[in-house]
């Protein structure tokens, strides 16, 4: 009886193993010949011709595009490809294109790609240019970027099998890697708060944006009760200040008014169009409004007690900021003590 049971168990194991082998064989067959591809013949090349033609881009004087560009400085580029020829190619990849004719003008697109920000900016020009030319202006500095050109043009040709006219597109594209140098100083300001919650803020914005040639210009904006107690929400604008190391706001233009003996709580608004060098950032109260700041308070202090300072007759708040490219901003704002 025991012997018979053993034979039955062995038979079951063998049969199950056989089923496993069959399933394994079926799986292998399925992997080699997926059912959704049965009866489908996939040629090595697409049946509809779509020629991809070589493309070169270079400076308008024929020189190679430099690897380093400057923000806001336009360059005129030229695209060279057979897409602009009078007739389309007669063959592509060894396949004849019978009776090929262009049926449209070429569509040309130029872009500057900022790889660090993963952002594309389309190039455009207001001046009349040849179809294969474009003025490209990199608007923002970047350590890793690229100029790209993409061109497409429609072709009509005779299908050699059916004899009917068919349409397709010839395409061309190319990219040129480029680094863009930063030439814009930082645009930093401060937020000041005193006892009772009253505050005043000033900040800087480049205006007009992307100005070239230098110098860059900026506006300085003010708001808050320490600027205009009657209307804290109002914004006072000081226009036409040269963005750089000598940004001076005059007392008759705007000022921060604080009570005598106040403790100022200071917060910096650090801004730059690329990368601020935080190690070089300095701010506080100084006794001058020209040349290098001469501090009378601790540098970069988050709180300043006016009673502990030997204040000059006309003190200024200052912000001294640099970016990693070496561009520098020094802003002086009048501090009036009531």
Protein backbone atom coordinates (compact mmCIF):
# COMPACT_ATOMS: atom_id res chain seq x y z
CA UNK A 1 0.00 0.00 0.00
CA UNK A 2 2.84 2.33 0.90
CA UNK A 3 4.65 1.45 -2.34
CA UNK A 4 1.58 2.33 -4.39
CA UNK A 5 1.24 5.71 -2.66
CA UNK A 6 4.84 6.52 -3.41
CA UNK A 7 4.33 5.75 -7.13
CA UNK A 8 1.27 8.02 -7.20
CA UNK A 9 3.14 10.93 -5.63
CA UNK A 10 6.07 10.52 -8.04
CA UNK A 11 3.68 10.41 -11.01
CA UNK A 12 2.02 13.63 -9.88
CA UNK A 13 5.40 15.39 -9.49
CA UNK A 14 6.55 14.24 -12.93
CA UNK A 15 3.31 15.35 -14.57
CA UNK A 16 3.54 18.76 -12.90
CA UNK A 17 7.13 19.12 -14.06
CA UNK A 18 6.01 18.32 -17.58
CA UNK A 19 3.34 20.98 -17.41
CA UNK A 20 5.98 23.45 -16.18
CA UNK A 21 8.19 22.58 -19.14
CA UNK A 22 5.28 23.08 -21.52
CA UNK A 23 4.47 26.45 -19.95
CA UNK A 24 8.14 27.44 -20.19
CA UNK A 25 8.17 26.44 -23.85
CA UNK A 26 4.95 28.37 -24.46
CA UNK A 27 6.44 31.46 -22.75
CA UNK A 28 9.60 31.22 -24.84
CA UNK A 29 7.52 30.91 -27.98
CA UNK A 30 5.43 33.91 -27.01
CA UNK A 31 8.54 35.98 -26.42
CA UNK A 32 9.99 35.01 -29.78
CA UNK A 33 6.75 35.53 -31.69
CA UNK A 34 4.41 37.95 -29.91
CA UNK A 35 0.89 37.37 -31.22
CA UNK A 36 0.38 41.07 -32.01
CA UNK A 37 3.22 40.90 -34.58
CA UNK A 38 2.01 37.81 -36.41
CA UNK A 39 1.67 38.46 -40.14
CA UNK A 40 3.31 41.90 -39.89
CA UNK A 41 6.34 42.61 -42.06
CA UNK A 42 8.44 45.48 -40.68
CA UNK A 43 10.89 46.90 -43.25
CA UNK A 44 14.22 48.34 -42.02
CA UNK A 45 13.26 51.80 -43.36
CA UNK A 46 9.87 53.61 -43.32
CA UNK A 47 7.88 53.25 -46.52
CA UNK A 48 7.13 56.97 -46.65
CA UNK A 49 10.31 58.81 -47.53
CA UNK A 50 11.30 61.60 -45.16
CA UNK A 51 14.80 62.80 -46.06
CA UNK A 52 16.97 64.10 -43.23
CA UNK A 53 19.53 66.44 -44.74
CA UNK A 54 22.82 67.72 -43.27
CA UNK A 55 22.75 71.22 -41.73
CA UNK A 56 25.54 73.57 -40.67
CA UNK A 57 25.19 76.88 -38.81
CA UNK A 58 27.86 79.57 -38.56
CA UNK A 59 28.39 83.32 -38.10
CA UNK A 60 27.31 85.65 -40.89
CA UNK A 61 30.98 86.33 -41.69
CA UNK A 62 31.55 82.61 -42.20
CA UNK A 63 33.38 82.07 -38.93
CA UNK A 64 32.60 79.30 -36.45
CA UNK A 65 30.13 80.18 -33.68
CA UNK A 66 32.17 80.78 -30.50
CA UNK A 67 31.75 78.44 -27.54
CA UNK A 68 31.29 81.43 -25.21
CA UNK A 69 28.62 84.07 -25.82
CA UNK A 70 27.60 87.16 -23.84
CA UNK A 71 24.09 87.72 -22.49
CA UNK A 72 22.02 90.35 -24.31
CA UNK A 73 24.59 90.59 -27.14
CA UNK A 74 22.95 89.60 -30.47
CA UNK A 75 24.74 87.50 -33.07
CA UNK A 76 23.61 86.92 -36.65
CA UNK A 77 23.75 83.29 -37.76
CA UNK A 78 23.42 81.53 -41.11
CA UNK A 79 22.05 78.05 -41.86
CA UNK A 80 23.53 76.07 -44.75
CA UNK A 81 21.59 73.04 -46.02
CA UNK A 82 20.31 71.52 -49.28
CA UNK A 83 16.75 72.30 -48.11
CA UNK A 84 17.32 75.78 -49.52
CA UNK A 85 18.40 74.42 -52.95
CA UNK A 86 16.24 75.06 -56.02
CA UNK A 87 15.28 71.37 -56.29
CA UNK A 88 14.84 68.62 -53.68
CA UNK A 89 17.26 65.66 -53.58
CA UNK A 90 16.63 63.06 -56.34
CA UNK A 91 17.34 60.16 -53.96
CA UNK A 92 17.70 59.44 -50.27
CA UNK A 93 19.44 56.47 -48.61
CA UNK A 94 19.71 54.77 -51.98
CA UNK A 95 16.00 55.20 -52.77
CA UNK A 96 14.97 57.25 -55.78
CA UNK A 97 12.55 60.16 -55.28
CA UNK A 98 10.98 60.54 -58.76
CA UNK A 99 9.86 63.96 -60.02
CA UNK A 100 10.57 65.60 -56.66
CA UNK A 101 9.49 69.24 -56.31
CA UNK A 102 9.30 71.61 -53.37
CA UNK A 103 5.68 72.49 -52.63
CA UNK A 104 6.29 75.06 -49.87
CA UNK A 105 8.95 77.39 -48.53
CA UNK A 106 11.16 76.11 -45.76
CA UNK A 107 9.96 76.57 -42.16
CA UNK A 108 12.96 77.57 -40.04
CA UNK A 109 13.04 77.69 -36.23
CA UNK A 110 15.93 78.96 -34.10
CA UNK A 111 16.13 78.44 -30.34
CA UNK A 112 18.48 79.12 -27.49
CA UNK A 113 18.34 76.33 -24.90
CA UNK A 114 19.31 76.92 -21.28
CA UNK A 115 20.16 73.41 -20.11
CA UNK A 116 20.60 74.50 -16.48
CA UNK A 117 17.01 75.81 -16.30
CA UNK A 118 15.62 73.35 -18.87
CA UNK A 119 14.16 76.28 -20.80
CA UNK A 120 13.91 77.07 -24.52
CA UNK A 121 13.71 80.61 -25.89
CA UNK A 122 12.67 81.04 -29.52
CA UNK A 123 14.80 83.48 -31.52
CA UNK A 124 13.03 86.15 -33.54
CA UNK A 125 13.97 89.28 -35.42
CA UNK A 126 12.08 92.44 -36.30
CA UNK A 127 14.44 93.24 -39.16
CA UNK A 128 14.01 91.80 -42.65
CA UNK A 129 16.38 88.87 -43.13
CA UNK A 130 17.07 86.08 -45.59
CA UNK A 131 15.22 82.84 -44.87
CA UNK A 132 18.42 81.09 -43.80
CA UNK A 133 19.49 83.85 -41.37
CA UNK A 134 18.51 84.78 -37.82
CA UNK A 135 19.60 87.14 -35.08
CA UNK A 136 20.00 85.10 -31.89
CA UNK A 137 20.22 86.93 -28.55
CA UNK A 138 20.90 84.83 -25.43
CA UNK A 139 18.87 86.69 -22.79
CA UNK A 140 20.11 84.88 -19.69
CA UNK A 141 23.53 83.70 -18.59
CA UNK A 142 24.06 79.97 -18.30
CA UNK A 143 26.94 77.62 -17.74
CA UNK A 144 25.52 75.12 -20.19
CA UNK A 145 23.40 76.09 -23.17
CA UNK A 146 22.98 75.55 -26.90
CA UNK A 147 21.85 77.28 -30.08
CA UNK A 148 19.66 75.01 -32.19
CA UNK A 149 18.19 75.27 -35.67
CA UNK A 150 15.34 73.12 -37.04
CA UNK A 151 14.16 73.24 -40.67
CA UNK A 152 11.37 71.45 -42.51
CA UNK A 153 10.15 71.71 -46.12
CA UNK A 154 7.40 69.86 -47.95
CA UNK A 155 8.14 67.76 -51.05
CA UNK A 156 5.82 66.38 -53.74
CA UNK A 157 7.02 63.33 -55.69
CA UNK A 158 5.69 60.43 -57.84
CA UNK A 159 5.20 57.12 -56.06
CA UNK A 160 7.14 54.59 -58.19
CA UNK A 161 4.62 51.82 -57.36
CA UNK A 162 1.24 53.53 -57.75
CA UNK A 163 2.28 56.39 -60.01
CA UNK A 164 0.35 58.78 -57.78
CA UNK A 165 1.70 62.03 -56.38
CA UNK A 166 2.63 61.83 -52.75
CA UNK A 167 3.74 64.38 -50.17
CA UNK A 168 6.44 64.21 -47.52
CA UNK A 169 8.86 66.48 -45.67
CA UNK A 170 12.59 66.99 -45.80
CA UNK A 171 14.05 67.87 -42.39
CA UNK A 172 17.32 69.16 -40.99
CA UNK A 173 18.45 70.09 -37.49
CA UNK A 174 21.66 70.89 -35.66
CA UNK A 175 22.81 72.25 -32.31
CA UNK A 176 25.82 74.22 -31.13
CA UNK A 177 26.75 74.13 -27.44
CA UNK A 178 27.55 77.49 -25.88
CA UNK A 179 28.16 79.07 -22.49
CA UNK A 180 26.67 82.54 -21.87
CA UNK A 181 28.61 85.05 -19.77
CA UNK A 182 26.77 87.07 -17.10
CA UNK A 183 27.17 90.86 -17.46
CA UNK A 184 24.29 92.01 -15.21
CA UNK A 185 25.00 93.08 -11.60
CA UNK A 186 22.80 91.70 -8.80
CA UNK A 187 19.55 93.46 -7.89
CA UNK A 188 19.39 93.28 -4.08
CA UNK A 189 17.41 95.21 -1.49
CA UNK A 190 16.47 95.18 2.21
CA UNK A 191 13.39 94.83 4.39
CA UNK A 192 13.48 96.83 7.63
CA UNK A 193 11.13 96.33 10.58
CA UNK A 194 10.86 98.29 13.87
CA UNK A 195 8.89 97.92 17.08
CA UNK A 196 5.14 97.84 16.57
CA UNK A 197 5.40 95.90 13.32
CA UNK A 198 5.97 98.85 11.02
CA UNK A 199 8.21 98.03 8.09
CA UNK A 200 9.74 99.38 4.92
CA UNK A 201 11.09 97.56 1.92
CA UNK A 202 13.20 98.54 -1.07
CA UNK A 203 14.17 96.40 -4.03
CA UNK A 204 15.81 96.78 -7.45
CA UNK A 205 14.71 95.73 -10.96
CA UNK A 206 16.65 96.03 -14.21
CA UNK A 207 14.91 98.51 -16.51
CA UNK A 208 14.92 98.26 -19.45
CA UNK A 209 15.52 94.51 -19.29
CA UNK A 210 18.31 92.98 -21.40
CA UNK A 211 19.82 96.38 -22.22
CA UNK A 212 22.91 96.41 -24.39
CA UNK A 213 25.33 98.12 -24.76
CA UNK A 214 26.31 98.75 -21.15
CA UNK A 215 25.71 100.28 -18.68
CA UNK A 216 22.70 98.45 -17.36
CA UNK A 217 19.98 100.63 -15.88
CA UNK A 218 17.56 99.94 -13.04
CA UNK A 219 14.66 101.27 -11.00
CA UNK A 220 14.60 101.20 -7.19
CA UNK A 221 11.19 100.58 -5.58
CA UNK A 222 10.06 101.48 -2.05
CA UNK A 223 6.97 100.55 -0.02
CA UNK A 224 5.79 100.23 3.57
CA UNK A 225 4.90 102.43 6.53
CA UNK A 226 8.54 103.42 7.09
CA UNK A 227 8.52 104.94 3.60
CA UNK A 228 4.97 106.34 3.47
CA UNK A 229 3.15 106.14 6.80
CA UNK A 230 -0.05 107.63 5.35
CA UNK A 231 -0.24 104.97 2.60
CA UNK A 232 1.97 101.93 3.37
CA UNK A 233 0.74 100.09 0.29
CA UNK A 234 1.89 102.78 -2.12
CA UNK A 235 5.01 102.14 -4.17
CA UNK A 236 7.56 104.89 -4.68
CA UNK A 237 9.77 104.42 -7.75
CA UNK A 238 13.18 105.96 -8.28
CA UNK A 239 13.88 105.56 -11.99
CA UNK A 240 16.96 105.62 -14.16
CA UNK A 241 19.66 104.52 -11.69
CA UNK A 242 22.77 103.02 -13.26
CA UNK A 243 22.97 99.40 -12.12
CA UNK A 244 26.41 98.94 -10.62
CA UNK A 245 28.70 100.11 -7.82
CA UNK A 246 27.38 103.68 -7.42
CA UNK A 247 23.61 103.37 -6.96
CA UNK A 248 22.66 106.33 -4.78
CA UNK A 249 19.08 107.25 -3.86
CA UNK A 250 18.84 110.93 -2.89
CA UNK A 251 16.94 111.96 0.27
CA UNK A 252 14.40 113.95 -1.76
CA UNK A 253 13.65 110.85 -3.86
CA UNK A 254 12.96 108.30 -1.12
CA UNK A 255 14.09 107.33 2.38
CA UNK A 256 13.32 105.01 5.28
CA UNK A 257 12.11 106.91 8.36
CA UNK A 258 12.71 105.22 11.73
CA UNK A 259 12.20 106.43 15.32
CA UNK A 260 15.31 107.38 17.30
CA UNK A 261 16.54 104.58 19.54
CA UNK A 262 14.81 101.91 17.45
CA UNK A 263 16.02 98.36 17.06
CA UNK A 264 16.03 97.59 13.36
CA UNK A 265 15.31 94.05 12.24
CA UNK A 266 16.91 93.60 8.83
CA UNK A 267 16.27 91.01 6.17
CA UNK A 268 18.12 90.98 2.86
CA UNK A 269 16.36 90.41 -0.47
CA UNK A 270 19.13 88.83 -2.53
CA UNK A 271 18.41 88.67 -6.26
CA UNK A 272 20.53 88.00 -9.35
CA UNK A 273 19.74 86.90 -12.90
CA UNK A 274 22.22 84.02 -12.57
CA UNK A 275 24.01 83.12 -9.32
CA UNK A 276 24.53 85.42 -6.32
CA UNK A 277 27.85 85.08 -4.48
CA UNK A 278 26.43 84.93 -0.96
CA UNK A 279 29.91 84.89 0.59
CA UNK A 280 30.47 88.47 -0.65
CA UNK A 281 27.08 89.87 0.37
CA UNK A 282 27.29 92.79 2.84
CA UNK A 283 24.64 95.13 4.23
CA UNK A 284 23.98 97.43 7.17
CA UNK A 285 24.28 101.14 8.04
CA UNK A 286 27.12 103.29 6.73
CA UNK A 287 28.18 106.95 6.96
CA UNK A 288 28.81 107.63 3.28
CA UNK A 289 27.08 107.37 -0.08
CA UNK A 290 30.03 107.21 -2.46
CA UNK A 291 33.07 105.03 -2.96
CA UNK A 292 33.36 101.95 -0.75
CA UNK A 293 30.79 101.72 2.07
CA UNK A 294 32.13 102.78 5.50
CA UNK A 295 30.02 100.79 7.98
CA UNK A 296 28.96 102.18 11.36
CA UNK A 297 27.02 99.04 12.28
CA UNK A 298 27.95 95.38 12.37
CA UNK A 299 28.03 93.90 8.87
CA UNK A 300 25.13 91.59 8.01
CA UNK A 301 23.51 91.96 11.43
CA UNK A 302 19.90 90.80 11.58
CA UNK A 303 19.22 93.32 14.37
CA UNK A 304 20.77 96.77 14.84
CA UNK A 305 20.14 98.88 17.96
CA UNK A 306 20.47 102.53 16.91
CA UNK A 307 21.18 103.64 20.50
CA UNK A 308 24.40 101.61 20.49
CA UNK A 309 25.79 103.29 17.34
CA UNK A 310 27.70 106.47 16.77
CA UNK A 311 25.56 107.69 13.90
CA UNK A 312 26.65 110.36 11.40
CA UNK A 313 24.40 113.29 10.54
CA UNK A 314 23.18 111.62 7.33
CA UNK A 315 23.36 107.82 7.66
CA UNK A 316 22.60 105.42 4.83
CA UNK A 317 21.48 101.84 4.54
CA UNK A 318 23.66 99.98 2.08
CA UNK A 319 23.65 96.69 0.15
CA UNK A 320 26.92 95.46 -1.38
CA UNK A 321 26.35 92.36 -3.53
CA UNK A 322 28.33 90.44 -6.14
CA UNK A 323 27.53 87.50 -8.36
CA UNK A 324 29.77 84.53 -9.17
CA UNK A 325 30.82 86.24 -12.44
CA UNK A 326 32.21 89.26 -10.55
CA UNK A 327 29.46 91.78 -11.36
CA UNK A 328 28.83 94.04 -8.38
CA UNK A 329 26.01 96.20 -7.02
CA UNK A 330 26.41 98.81 -4.26
CA UNK A 331 23.17 100.56 -3.32
CA UNK A 332 22.86 103.47 -0.85
CA UNK A 333 19.43 104.41 0.60
CA UNK A 334 18.91 107.37 3.01
CA UNK A 335 18.03 106.47 6.61
CA UNK A 336 16.18 109.30 8.37
CA UNK A 337 15.98 109.13 12.17
CA UNK A 338 13.03 110.95 13.75
